[in-house]
N, C-alpha and C. Protein backbone atom coordinates (compact mmCIF):
# COMPACT_ATOMS: atom_id res chain seq x y z
N MET A 1 -65.29 52.62 35.21
CA MET A 1 -65.81 53.68 34.49
C MET A 1 -64.72 54.79 34.44
N LEU A 2 -64.73 55.14 35.96
CA LEU A 2 -64.03 56.49 36.30
C LEU A 2 -62.42 56.11 35.60
N PRO A 3 -62.12 54.93 35.63
CA PRO A 3 -60.63 54.93 35.42
C PRO A 3 -60.32 54.86 33.94
N ASN A 4 -61.38 54.28 33.31
CA ASN A 4 -61.44 54.98 31.58
C ASN A 4 -61.65 56.55 31.39
N PHE A 5 -62.22 57.15 32.16
CA PHE A 5 -62.55 58.43 32.29
C PHE A 5 -61.23 59.46 32.32
N ILE A 6 -60.50 58.73 33.58
CA ILE A 6 -59.15 59.63 34.07
C ILE A 6 -58.18 59.46 32.56
N ALA A 7 -58.39 58.18 31.77
CA ALA A 7 -57.28 57.39 30.97
C ALA A 7 -57.88 58.56 29.66
N GLY A 8 -58.85 58.90 29.45
CA GLY A 8 -59.09 59.47 28.12
C GLY A 8 -58.86 61.39 28.80
N LEU A 9 -58.78 61.36 29.70
CA LEU A 9 -58.69 63.20 30.03
C LEU A 9 -57.39 63.36 29.80
N GLY A 10 -56.63 62.36 30.33
CA GLY A 10 -55.13 62.44 30.44
C GLY A 10 -54.40 62.45 29.19
N LEU A 11 -55.38 61.31 28.22
CA LEU A 11 -54.93 61.72 26.65
C LEU A 11 -55.48 62.84 25.98
N GLY A 12 -56.67 63.48 26.44
CA GLY A 12 -57.03 64.61 26.04
C GLY A 12 -55.84 65.57 26.46
N LEU A 13 -55.47 65.44 27.72
CA LEU A 13 -54.28 66.96 27.83
C LEU A 13 -53.21 66.87 27.14
N SER A 14 -52.67 65.65 26.87
CA SER A 14 -51.65 65.12 26.68
C SER A 14 -51.63 66.18 24.96
N LEU A 15 -52.69 65.66 24.26
CA LEU A 15 -52.93 66.34 22.65
C LEU A 15 -52.87 67.61 22.94
N ILE A 16 -53.56 68.06 23.99
CA ILE A 16 -53.66 69.58 23.90
C ILE A 16 -52.55 70.33 24.03
N HIS A 17 -51.38 69.67 24.92
CA HIS A 17 -50.31 70.29 24.98
C HIS A 17 -49.25 69.76 24.06
N GLY A 18 -49.37 68.66 22.79
CA GLY A 18 -48.43 68.51 22.11
C GLY A 18 -47.86 67.20 22.24
N VAL A 19 -48.28 66.41 23.31
CA VAL A 19 -47.44 65.34 23.99
C VAL A 19 -48.12 64.04 23.47
N THR A 20 -47.39 63.17 23.36
CA THR A 20 -47.72 61.79 22.67
C THR A 20 -47.03 61.04 23.06
N ALA A 21 -47.77 59.81 23.08
CA ALA A 21 -46.68 58.77 23.98
C ALA A 21 -45.61 58.28 22.84
N SER A 22 -44.73 58.09 23.55
CA SER A 22 -43.29 57.45 22.67
C SER A 22 -43.73 56.27 22.23
N PRO A 23 -43.41 56.24 20.86
CA PRO A 23 -43.12 54.99 20.09
C PRO A 23 -42.70 53.87 20.52
N THR A 24 -41.35 54.40 21.46
CA THR A 24 -40.48 53.28 21.83
C THR A 24 -40.57 52.95 23.30
N SER A 25 -41.86 53.38 23.95
CA SER A 25 -41.59 53.42 25.08
C SER A 25 -42.23 51.74 25.67
N HIS A 26 -42.46 51.14 25.09
CA HIS A 26 -42.50 49.68 25.31
C HIS A 26 -41.75 48.56 24.63
N VAL A 27 -40.77 49.30 24.19
CA VAL A 27 -39.38 48.55 23.49
C VAL A 27 -38.38 47.50 24.42
N ASN A 28 -38.87 46.15 24.01
CA ASN A 28 -37.92 45.10 24.71
C ASN A 28 -36.35 45.28 24.74
N ILE A 29 -35.75 45.84 25.74
CA ILE A 29 -33.97 46.15 25.51
C ILE A 29 -33.60 44.64 26.56
N PRO A 30 -32.65 44.00 25.43
CA PRO A 30 -32.24 42.86 26.08
C PRO A 30 -31.21 43.20 27.02
N ARG A 31 -31.31 42.04 28.19
CA ARG A 31 -30.12 42.79 29.17
C ARG A 31 -28.91 41.41 29.69
N ASP A 32 -28.22 41.44 30.18
CA ASP A 32 -27.34 40.78 30.61
C ASP A 32 -26.10 41.27 31.55
N PRO A 33 -25.99 40.58 32.33
CA PRO A 33 -24.61 41.01 33.67
C PRO A 33 -23.38 41.91 32.79
N SER A 34 -23.13 41.05 31.61
CA SER A 34 -21.83 41.36 30.61
C SER A 34 -22.15 43.08 30.07
N PHE A 35 -23.51 43.29 30.02
CA PHE A 35 -23.43 44.88 29.60
C PHE A 35 -24.19 45.30 30.08
N ASP A 36 -23.44 46.74 30.75
CA ASP A 36 -24.02 47.30 31.90
C ASP A 36 -24.60 48.99 30.72
N ILE A 37 -25.47 48.64 31.24
CA ILE A 37 -26.23 50.41 30.28
C ILE A 37 -26.77 51.61 31.52
N SER A 38 -26.46 51.14 32.65
CA SER A 38 -27.27 51.75 33.57
C SER A 38 -26.74 53.36 33.36
N ARG A 39 -25.42 53.51 32.95
CA ARG A 39 -25.60 54.76 32.68
C ARG A 39 -25.92 55.54 31.46
N ILE A 40 -26.48 54.75 30.42
CA ILE A 40 -27.26 55.77 29.62
C ILE A 40 -28.81 54.96 29.00
N GLU A 41 -29.37 53.88 30.07
CA GLU A 41 -30.48 53.47 29.83
C GLU A 41 -32.05 54.85 29.84
N HIS A 42 -31.72 55.97 30.82
CA HIS A 42 -32.18 56.85 30.61
C HIS A 42 -32.23 57.86 28.70
N HIS A 43 -31.20 57.39 27.73
CA HIS A 43 -31.72 57.73 26.86
C HIS A 43 -33.05 57.28 26.08
N GLU A 44 -33.38 58.42 25.12
CA GLU A 44 -34.54 58.35 24.73
C GLU A 44 -34.96 57.68 23.36
N ASP A 45 -33.91 57.23 23.00
CA ASP A 45 -34.07 56.29 21.52
C ASP A 45 -34.09 55.04 22.43
N LYS A 46 -35.02 54.48 22.58
CA LYS A 46 -35.71 53.03 23.20
C LYS A 46 -34.63 51.87 22.21
N GLU A 47 -35.44 52.28 20.85
CA GLU A 47 -34.80 51.18 19.79
C GLU A 47 -33.34 51.09 19.86
N LEU A 48 -32.61 52.43 19.76
CA LEU A 48 -31.10 52.43 19.72
C LEU A 48 -30.59 51.37 21.11
N LEU A 49 -30.90 51.76 22.35
CA LEU A 49 -30.23 51.13 23.28
C LEU A 49 -31.16 49.45 23.13
N ALA A 50 -32.01 49.05 22.59
CA ALA A 50 -31.88 47.68 22.23
C ALA A 50 -30.95 47.33 21.43
N ALA A 51 -31.08 48.30 19.89
CA ALA A 51 -29.93 47.58 18.95
C ALA A 51 -28.83 47.49 19.38
N ILE A 52 -28.28 48.63 20.24
CA ILE A 52 -27.07 48.48 20.70
C ILE A 52 -26.61 47.36 21.65
N SER A 53 -27.75 46.85 22.52
CA SER A 53 -27.72 45.84 23.76
C SER A 53 -27.39 44.46 22.60
N LYS A 54 -28.42 44.53 22.01
CA LYS A 54 -27.92 42.91 20.82
C LYS A 54 -26.59 42.99 20.74
N TYR A 55 -26.23 44.27 19.98
CA TYR A 55 -24.98 43.94 19.40
C TYR A 55 -23.90 43.52 20.35
N PHE A 56 -23.63 44.63 21.29
CA PHE A 56 -23.04 44.17 22.22
C PHE A 56 -22.97 42.89 23.29
N ILE A 57 -23.80 42.70 23.39
CA ILE A 57 -23.99 41.34 24.15
C ILE A 57 -23.69 40.07 23.41
N SER A 58 -23.88 40.26 22.38
CA SER A 58 -23.34 38.95 21.27
C SER A 58 -21.82 38.78 21.05
N PHE A 59 -21.19 39.79 21.69
CA PHE A 59 -20.18 40.15 21.78
C PHE A 59 -19.27 40.05 23.50
N THR A 60 -20.12 40.02 24.37
CA THR A 60 -19.27 40.03 25.46
C THR A 60 -19.75 38.73 25.63
N THR A 61 -20.54 37.74 25.56
CA THR A 61 -21.11 36.26 25.26
C THR A 61 -20.58 35.13 24.61
N GLY A 62 -19.68 35.94 23.29
CA GLY A 62 -19.12 35.19 22.29
C GLY A 62 -20.27 34.39 21.22
N ASP A 63 -21.06 35.27 21.18
CA ASP A 63 -22.44 35.02 20.36
C ASP A 63 -22.04 35.12 18.87
N TYR A 64 -21.12 34.50 18.26
CA TYR A 64 -20.60 35.11 17.07
C TYR A 64 -21.16 35.11 15.91
N ASP A 65 -22.34 34.02 16.02
CA ASP A 65 -23.57 33.62 15.06
C ASP A 65 -24.37 34.63 15.19
N GLY A 66 -25.03 35.28 16.41
CA GLY A 66 -26.21 36.21 16.74
C GLY A 66 -24.97 37.37 16.22
N MET A 67 -24.28 38.06 16.59
CA MET A 67 -23.42 39.07 15.95
C MET A 67 -23.31 39.45 14.17
N SER A 68 -22.98 38.36 13.88
CA SER A 68 -23.28 38.18 12.41
C SER A 68 -24.56 38.11 11.45
N ALA A 69 -25.46 37.75 12.44
CA ALA A 69 -26.80 38.06 11.99
C ALA A 69 -27.24 39.59 11.98
N LEU A 70 -26.63 40.36 13.24
CA LEU A 70 -26.87 41.96 12.81
C LEU A 70 -26.22 42.43 12.19
N GLN A 71 -25.02 41.84 11.45
CA GLN A 71 -24.44 42.46 10.22
C GLN A 71 -24.88 42.55 9.25
N ALA A 72 -25.27 43.60 8.44
CA ALA A 72 -25.36 43.39 6.25
C ALA A 72 -24.06 42.99 6.04
N GLU A 73 -24.81 42.17 5.05
CA GLU A 73 -23.70 41.92 3.74
C GLU A 73 -22.48 42.62 3.34
N ASP A 74 -22.66 43.88 3.29
CA ASP A 74 -21.66 44.83 3.32
C ASP A 74 -20.84 45.18 4.19
N PHE A 75 -21.13 44.62 5.31
CA PHE A 75 -20.72 45.17 6.50
C PHE A 75 -19.02 45.25 6.62
N HIS A 76 -18.25 46.48 7.27
CA HIS A 76 -16.71 46.42 7.20
C HIS A 76 -17.00 46.88 8.79
N ILE A 77 -15.68 46.66 9.09
CA ILE A 77 -15.20 46.96 10.14
C ILE A 77 -13.55 47.43 10.46
N THR A 78 -13.06 48.87 11.38
CA THR A 78 -11.94 49.59 11.18
C THR A 78 -12.15 49.29 12.85
N ASP A 79 -10.90 48.63 13.05
CA ASP A 79 -10.81 48.33 14.80
C ASP A 79 -8.93 49.06 14.93
N ILE A 80 -9.48 50.05 15.05
CA ILE A 80 -7.97 50.79 15.67
C ILE A 80 -7.10 50.14 16.69
N PRO A 81 -7.52 49.49 17.91
CA PRO A 81 -6.51 48.99 18.89
C PRO A 81 -5.79 47.68 18.47
N LEU A 82 -6.69 47.21 17.24
CA LEU A 82 -6.43 45.66 16.85
C LEU A 82 -5.83 45.53 15.33
N GLU A 83 -5.77 47.02 15.18
CA GLU A 83 -4.71 47.22 13.99
C GLU A 83 -5.62 46.81 12.45
N ILE A 84 -6.80 46.49 12.66
CA ILE A 84 -7.53 46.12 11.86
C ILE A 84 -8.20 47.52 10.69
N VAL A 85 -8.28 47.25 9.31
CA VAL A 85 -8.60 48.39 8.90
C VAL A 85 -9.74 47.51 8.01
N ARG A 86 -11.45 48.58 7.71
CA ARG A 86 -11.76 47.91 6.82
C ARG A 86 -12.28 46.15 6.37
N ALA A 87 -12.08 45.77 7.67
CA ALA A 87 -12.31 44.29 7.44
C ALA A 87 -13.73 43.98 6.95
N ASN A 88 -13.61 43.00 6.16
CA ASN A 88 -14.90 42.75 5.77
C ASN A 88 -15.75 41.35 6.69
N LYS A 89 -16.78 41.32 7.09
CA LYS A 89 -17.85 40.18 7.75
C LYS A 89 -17.07 38.92 8.16
N GLN A 90 -16.69 38.84 7.03
CA GLN A 90 -16.31 37.20 7.32
C GLN A 90 -14.64 37.18 7.73
N GLN A 91 -13.95 38.42 7.42
CA GLN A 91 -12.92 38.73 8.01
C GLN A 91 -12.54 39.02 9.46
N TRP A 92 -13.89 40.09 9.41
CA TRP A 92 -14.18 40.49 11.04
C TRP A 92 -13.90 39.73 12.12
N ASN A 93 -15.29 38.91 11.84
CA ASN A 93 -15.40 37.40 12.51
C ASN A 93 -14.66 36.37 12.69
N LYS A 94 -13.55 36.06 11.83
CA LYS A 94 -12.96 35.71 12.27
C LYS A 94 -11.78 35.91 12.76
N ALA A 95 -11.17 36.80 12.73
CA ALA A 95 -10.45 37.55 13.66
C ALA A 95 -10.98 38.03 15.53
N ASN A 96 -12.29 38.02 15.29
CA ASN A 96 -12.85 38.13 16.64
C ASN A 96 -12.99 37.29 17.41
N SER A 97 -13.47 36.13 16.37
CA SER A 97 -13.65 34.58 17.82
C SER A 97 -12.03 34.28 18.02
N GLY A 98 -11.13 34.74 17.21
CA GLY A 98 -9.97 33.85 17.34
C GLY A 98 -9.18 35.30 18.73
N PHE A 99 -9.42 36.32 18.64
CA PHE A 99 -9.02 37.24 19.93
C PHE A 99 -9.60 36.65 20.97
N SER A 100 -11.11 37.00 20.72
CA SER A 100 -11.55 36.75 21.77
C SER A 100 -11.49 35.68 22.61
N SER A 101 -11.10 34.23 21.55
CA SER A 101 -10.70 33.25 22.51
C SER A 101 -9.78 33.35 23.33
N LEU A 102 -9.40 34.17 23.64
CA LEU A 102 -7.85 34.43 24.50
C LEU A 102 -8.58 35.18 25.74
N MET A 103 -9.76 35.63 26.12
CA MET A 103 -10.44 36.06 26.96
C MET A 103 -11.72 35.56 27.62
N THR A 104 -11.75 35.77 28.22
CA THR A 104 -13.03 35.20 29.40
C THR A 104 -13.70 36.25 30.38
N ASN A 105 -14.62 36.12 30.74
CA ASN A 105 -15.34 37.10 31.48
C ASN A 105 -15.08 38.74 31.60
N VAL A 106 -15.82 38.53 30.34
CA VAL A 106 -15.43 39.62 28.83
C VAL A 106 -16.94 41.03 29.60
N THR A 107 -16.36 41.97 30.09
CA THR A 107 -17.77 42.56 30.34
C THR A 107 -17.49 44.26 29.56
N VAL A 108 -18.69 44.98 29.30
CA VAL A 108 -19.02 46.43 28.69
C VAL A 108 -19.52 47.18 29.65
N GLU A 109 -19.18 48.28 29.70
CA GLU A 109 -19.75 49.08 30.81
C GLU A 109 -19.98 50.64 29.59
N ALA A 110 -21.24 50.96 29.43
CA ALA A 110 -21.45 52.15 28.72
C ALA A 110 -21.25 53.03 29.21
N ILE A 111 -20.64 54.07 28.52
CA ILE A 111 -20.36 55.38 29.60
C ILE A 111 -21.62 56.56 28.72
N SER A 112 -21.44 56.45 27.83
CA SER A 112 -22.47 57.67 27.13
C SER A 112 -23.06 57.20 25.58
N ILE A 113 -24.07 57.75 25.12
CA ILE A 113 -24.06 57.62 24.09
C ILE A 113 -24.57 58.41 23.13
N ALA A 114 -24.96 58.27 21.89
CA ALA A 114 -25.74 59.74 21.10
C ALA A 114 -25.84 59.32 19.91
N GLY A 115 -26.72 59.25 19.06
CA GLY A 115 -26.97 59.34 17.53
C GLY A 115 -28.40 58.83 17.75
N SER A 116 -29.02 57.67 16.99
CA SER A 116 -30.21 57.58 16.35
C SER A 116 -30.43 55.89 15.81
N SER A 117 -30.84 55.45 16.05
CA SER A 117 -31.67 53.92 15.58
C SER A 117 -32.25 54.23 14.14
N GLU A 118 -32.35 54.92 13.93
CA GLU A 118 -33.42 55.54 12.40
C GLU A 118 -32.25 54.85 11.53
N PRO A 119 -32.89 54.10 10.56
CA PRO A 119 -32.32 53.62 9.06
C PRO A 119 -31.20 54.66 8.32
N GLY A 120 -30.09 54.31 8.13
CA GLY A 120 -29.16 55.21 7.52
C GLY A 120 -28.45 56.00 8.48
N SER A 121 -28.66 56.07 9.76
CA SER A 121 -28.34 57.20 11.03
C SER A 121 -26.92 56.55 11.67
N PHE A 122 -26.64 57.02 12.71
CA PHE A 122 -25.12 56.32 13.29
C PHE A 122 -25.60 56.81 14.82
N ALA A 123 -24.48 55.78 15.35
CA ALA A 123 -24.52 56.13 16.80
C ALA A 123 -23.16 55.87 17.51
N ALA A 124 -22.71 56.52 18.65
CA ALA A 124 -21.64 56.72 18.86
C ALA A 124 -21.53 56.28 20.95
N MET A 125 -20.65 55.36 20.99
CA MET A 125 -21.10 54.92 22.77
C MET A 125 -19.74 55.17 23.07
N GLU A 126 -19.22 55.69 24.03
CA GLU A 126 -18.32 55.64 25.27
C GLU A 126 -18.00 54.11 25.53
N ASN A 127 -17.00 53.38 25.81
CA ASN A 127 -17.51 52.19 26.68
C ASN A 127 -16.25 51.77 27.16
N VAL A 128 -16.41 51.13 28.19
CA VAL A 128 -15.28 50.16 28.89
C VAL A 128 -15.36 49.19 28.69
N VAL A 129 -14.13 48.26 27.87
CA VAL A 129 -14.22 46.27 28.00
C VAL A 129 -13.22 46.20 28.68
N ARG A 130 -13.94 45.33 29.49
CA ARG A 130 -12.70 44.31 30.49
C ARG A 130 -13.04 42.89 30.63
N PHE A 131 -11.90 42.34 30.45
CA PHE A 131 -11.50 41.01 30.06
C PHE A 131 -10.52 40.56 31.39
N THR A 132 -10.68 38.83 31.29
CA THR A 132 -9.59 38.22 31.73
C THR A 132 -9.19 37.39 30.99
N LEU A 133 -7.29 37.43 30.90
CA LEU A 133 -6.93 36.17 29.84
C LEU A 133 -7.16 34.96 30.51
N ALA A 134 -7.82 34.36 29.50
CA ALA A 134 -7.91 33.00 29.50
C ALA A 134 -6.77 31.88 29.25
N VAL A 135 -5.96 32.76 28.84
CA VAL A 135 -4.68 31.70 28.54
C VAL A 135 -3.50 32.79 28.50
N ASP A 136 -2.36 32.67 28.71
CA ASP A 136 -0.79 33.32 28.57
C ASP A 136 -1.27 33.69 26.73
N PRO A 137 -0.84 34.65 26.15
CA PRO A 137 -1.15 35.57 25.26
C PRO A 137 0.25 35.48 24.11
N PRO A 138 -0.31 34.71 22.82
CA PRO A 138 0.72 34.44 21.88
C PRO A 138 1.51 35.70 22.01
N PRO A 139 2.64 35.62 21.04
CA PRO A 139 3.51 36.68 21.00
C PRO A 139 2.52 37.71 19.93
N ASP A 140 2.27 37.35 18.63
CA ASP A 140 1.41 38.24 18.26
C ASP A 140 0.14 39.15 18.41
N ALA A 141 -0.49 38.21 19.95
CA ALA A 141 -1.49 39.13 20.38
C ALA A 141 -0.82 39.86 21.27
N ALA A 142 0.28 39.70 22.16
CA ALA A 142 0.71 40.14 23.17
C ALA A 142 0.88 41.97 22.98
N LYS A 143 1.53 42.37 21.87
CA LYS A 143 1.84 43.67 21.46
C LYS A 143 0.21 44.42 22.06
N ASN A 144 -0.73 44.03 21.61
CA ASN A 144 -1.89 44.57 22.29
C ASN A 144 -2.57 44.55 23.17
N LEU A 145 -1.75 44.21 24.03
CA LEU A 145 -1.78 44.51 25.95
C LEU A 145 -1.11 44.27 26.61
N PRO A 146 -1.22 44.72 27.80
CA PRO A 146 -0.20 45.24 28.55
C PRO A 146 0.98 44.28 28.86
N PRO A 147 1.71 45.12 29.04
CA PRO A 147 3.16 44.37 29.33
C PRO A 147 3.46 43.20 30.34
N GLY A 148 4.09 42.22 29.69
CA GLY A 148 3.81 41.12 31.04
C GLY A 148 2.41 40.53 31.48
N ILE A 149 1.31 40.86 30.87
CA ILE A 149 0.13 40.48 31.29
C ILE A 149 0.09 38.49 30.60
N LYS A 150 -0.89 38.07 31.87
CA LYS A 150 -0.60 36.35 31.93
C LYS A 150 -1.72 36.01 31.99
N LYS A 151 -2.14 34.62 31.68
CA LYS A 151 -3.18 34.21 32.23
C LYS A 151 -3.63 34.26 33.33
N GLY A 152 -5.15 34.78 33.36
CA GLY A 152 -5.79 34.86 34.43
C GLY A 152 -5.73 36.43 35.22
N ASP A 153 -5.01 37.14 34.62
CA ASP A 153 -4.71 38.81 34.74
C ASP A 153 -6.01 39.59 34.20
N ARG A 154 -6.50 40.54 34.36
CA ARG A 154 -7.68 40.97 34.23
C ARG A 154 -6.89 42.52 33.41
N SER A 155 -7.54 43.35 32.53
CA SER A 155 -7.32 44.44 32.36
C SER A 155 -8.30 44.76 31.31
N GLY A 156 -8.10 46.22 30.28
CA GLY A 156 -9.34 47.01 29.93
C GLY A 156 -8.90 47.54 29.02
N MET A 157 -10.04 47.86 27.85
CA MET A 157 -10.00 49.41 27.13
C MET A 157 -11.00 49.97 27.22
N ILE A 158 -10.80 51.45 27.09
CA ILE A 158 -11.69 52.44 26.97
C ILE A 158 -11.71 52.68 25.52
N MET A 159 -13.06 52.74 25.11
CA MET A 159 -13.51 52.62 23.18
C MET A 159 -14.30 53.92 23.25
N LEU A 160 -14.35 54.09 22.20
CA LEU A 160 -15.33 54.80 21.57
C LEU A 160 -15.61 53.89 20.31
N SER A 161 -17.09 53.62 20.23
CA SER A 161 -17.56 52.87 19.71
C SER A 161 -18.60 53.53 18.60
N THR A 162 -18.68 53.41 17.31
CA THR A 162 -19.45 54.08 15.96
C THR A 162 -19.93 53.32 15.24
N ILE A 163 -21.41 52.78 15.54
CA ILE A 163 -22.02 52.03 14.81
C ILE A 163 -23.07 52.65 13.62
N TRP A 164 -23.35 52.39 12.54
CA TRP A 164 -24.09 52.60 11.42
C TRP A 164 -25.00 51.41 10.91
N TRP A 165 -26.30 52.08 10.61
CA TRP A 165 -27.43 51.22 10.36
C TRP A 165 -27.27 51.75 8.87
N ASN A 166 -27.70 50.47 8.38
CA ASN A 166 -28.39 50.31 6.90
C ASN A 166 -29.89 50.61 6.99
N GLU A 167 -30.64 50.49 5.65
CA GLU A 167 -32.18 50.77 5.68
C GLU A 167 -32.74 49.67 6.42
N ASP A 168 -32.28 48.50 6.52
CA ASP A 168 -32.81 47.56 7.37
C ASP A 168 -32.75 47.26 8.73
N GLY A 169 -31.62 48.30 8.97
CA GLY A 169 -31.11 48.54 10.36
C GLY A 169 -30.49 47.47 10.70
N LEU A 170 -29.61 46.78 9.74
CA LEU A 170 -28.50 46.17 10.18
C LEU A 170 -26.90 47.01 9.90
N VAL A 171 -26.23 46.52 11.29
CA VAL A 171 -24.67 47.19 11.00
C VAL A 171 -24.26 46.78 9.53
N TYR A 172 -23.70 48.00 9.32
CA TYR A 172 -22.94 48.39 8.08
C TYR A 172 -22.03 48.48 8.25
N ARG A 173 -21.49 49.58 9.24
CA ARG A 173 -19.93 49.95 9.44
C ARG A 173 -20.14 50.04 10.83
N ASP A 174 -18.71 49.87 11.77
CA ASP A 174 -18.23 49.83 12.82
C ASP A 174 -16.98 50.03 12.74
N LEU A 175 -16.86 51.35 13.43
CA LEU A 175 -15.63 52.01 13.70
C LEU A 175 -14.96 52.22 15.55
N GLU A 176 -14.11 51.68 15.44
CA GLU A 176 -13.46 51.19 17.05
C GLU A 176 -12.30 51.86 17.39
N TYR A 177 -12.30 53.04 18.11
CA TYR A 177 -11.21 53.62 18.56
C TYR A 177 -10.81 53.29 20.09
N GLY A 178 -9.54 53.01 20.41
CA GLY A 178 -9.58 53.10 22.04
C GLY A 178 -8.18 52.61 22.46
N ARG A 179 -7.88 52.69 23.74
CA ARG A 179 -6.33 52.53 24.20
C ARG A 179 -6.84 51.43 25.64
N LEU A 180 -6.00 50.90 25.81
CA LEU A 180 -5.80 50.15 27.13
C LEU A 180 -5.74 51.00 28.16
N ILE A 181 -6.74 50.73 29.31
CA ILE A 181 -7.07 51.61 30.65
C ILE A 181 -5.58 51.66 31.22
N TRP A 182 -5.23 52.62 32.19
CA TRP A 182 -4.09 52.98 33.05
C TRP A 182 -4.56 52.73 34.20
N ASP A 183 -3.13 52.86 34.82
CA ASP A 183 -2.84 52.33 36.26
C ASP A 183 -4.11 53.55 37.03
N HIS A 184 -4.95 52.95 38.06
CA HIS A 184 -5.62 53.98 38.77
C HIS A 184 -6.77 54.47 37.56
N PHE A 185 -7.54 53.78 36.61
CA PHE A 185 -8.37 54.58 35.61
C PHE A 185 -9.45 54.23 36.62
N ASP A 186 -10.34 55.18 36.39
CA ASP A 186 -11.59 55.60 36.98
C ASP A 186 -12.62 56.05 36.28
N ILE A 187 -13.23 55.15 36.12
CA ILE A 187 -15.08 55.26 34.99
C ILE A 187 -15.46 56.32 35.48
N ASP A 188 -15.40 56.32 36.60
CA ASP A 188 -16.16 57.62 37.35
C ASP A 188 -15.66 59.10 36.66
N ALA A 189 -14.39 59.28 36.53
CA ALA A 189 -14.38 59.95 36.01
C ALA A 189 -14.89 61.17 35.08
N PHE A 190 -15.40 59.88 34.11
CA PHE A 190 -16.05 60.36 32.78
C PHE A 190 -17.64 60.73 32.76
N LYS A 191 -17.86 60.54 33.97
CA LYS A 191 -19.37 61.29 34.29
C LYS A 191 -19.72 62.41 33.76
N THR A 192 -20.47 62.26 32.87
CA THR A 192 -21.13 63.76 32.58
C THR A 192 -21.98 64.88 33.65
N SER A 193 -22.08 66.02 33.26
CA SER A 193 -22.20 66.95 34.23
C SER A 193 -23.37 66.78 35.15
N GLU A 194 -24.38 65.97 33.69
CA GLU A 194 -25.79 65.73 34.38
C GLU A 194 -25.80 64.19 35.44
N GLU A 195 -24.80 63.82 35.12
CA GLU A 195 -24.30 62.48 36.29
C GLU A 195 -24.24 62.96 37.28
N ALA A 196 -23.26 63.87 37.42
CA ALA A 196 -22.74 64.12 38.41
C ALA A 196 -23.73 65.24 39.69
N GLU A 197 -24.62 65.71 38.75
CA GLU A 197 -25.55 66.30 39.44
C GLU A 197 -26.28 65.34 40.24
N LEU A 198 -26.84 64.28 39.82
CA LEU A 198 -27.37 63.27 40.54
C LEU A 198 -27.12 62.39 41.62
């Protein structure tokens, strides 16, 4: 009886103070070692973290069917580093699977995130994509990679990914800006002032 009383008292106090339990407090956020959300997992919109995690884990694990299932039929993407502008769903998934076949050990480290999971809204995430070349790059891919990179070499890109959700919660627009990481690149240099205080 006492635990029920304490729980009821806690609920009553929370209502008095205008605080209610978050509807997203029990959201199942997918986890995979290839997508590091440790820097953003404190974000209050857990539905957003779940949606972003599903989308990026499908990318890092090469699950192109899974990624396609998260995209609306009218999906389009602009990927500046790859010189892709407003590619539709079929064009992107073909290009993505082709380019990704050159890479292995793909990881994404999220740096920061802002936005919402609400239908019709968007979110922006700073992140670092790292990869190991699975093969020597063909000439048409080499121009988007560090000079002289070869099979077995590891590199990466610093990215800003902006994702728009439609009314069904599917991705209908994806905008990717980024550039190759540089010598002595340090992801910790991107810490926010709040992170630096921790």
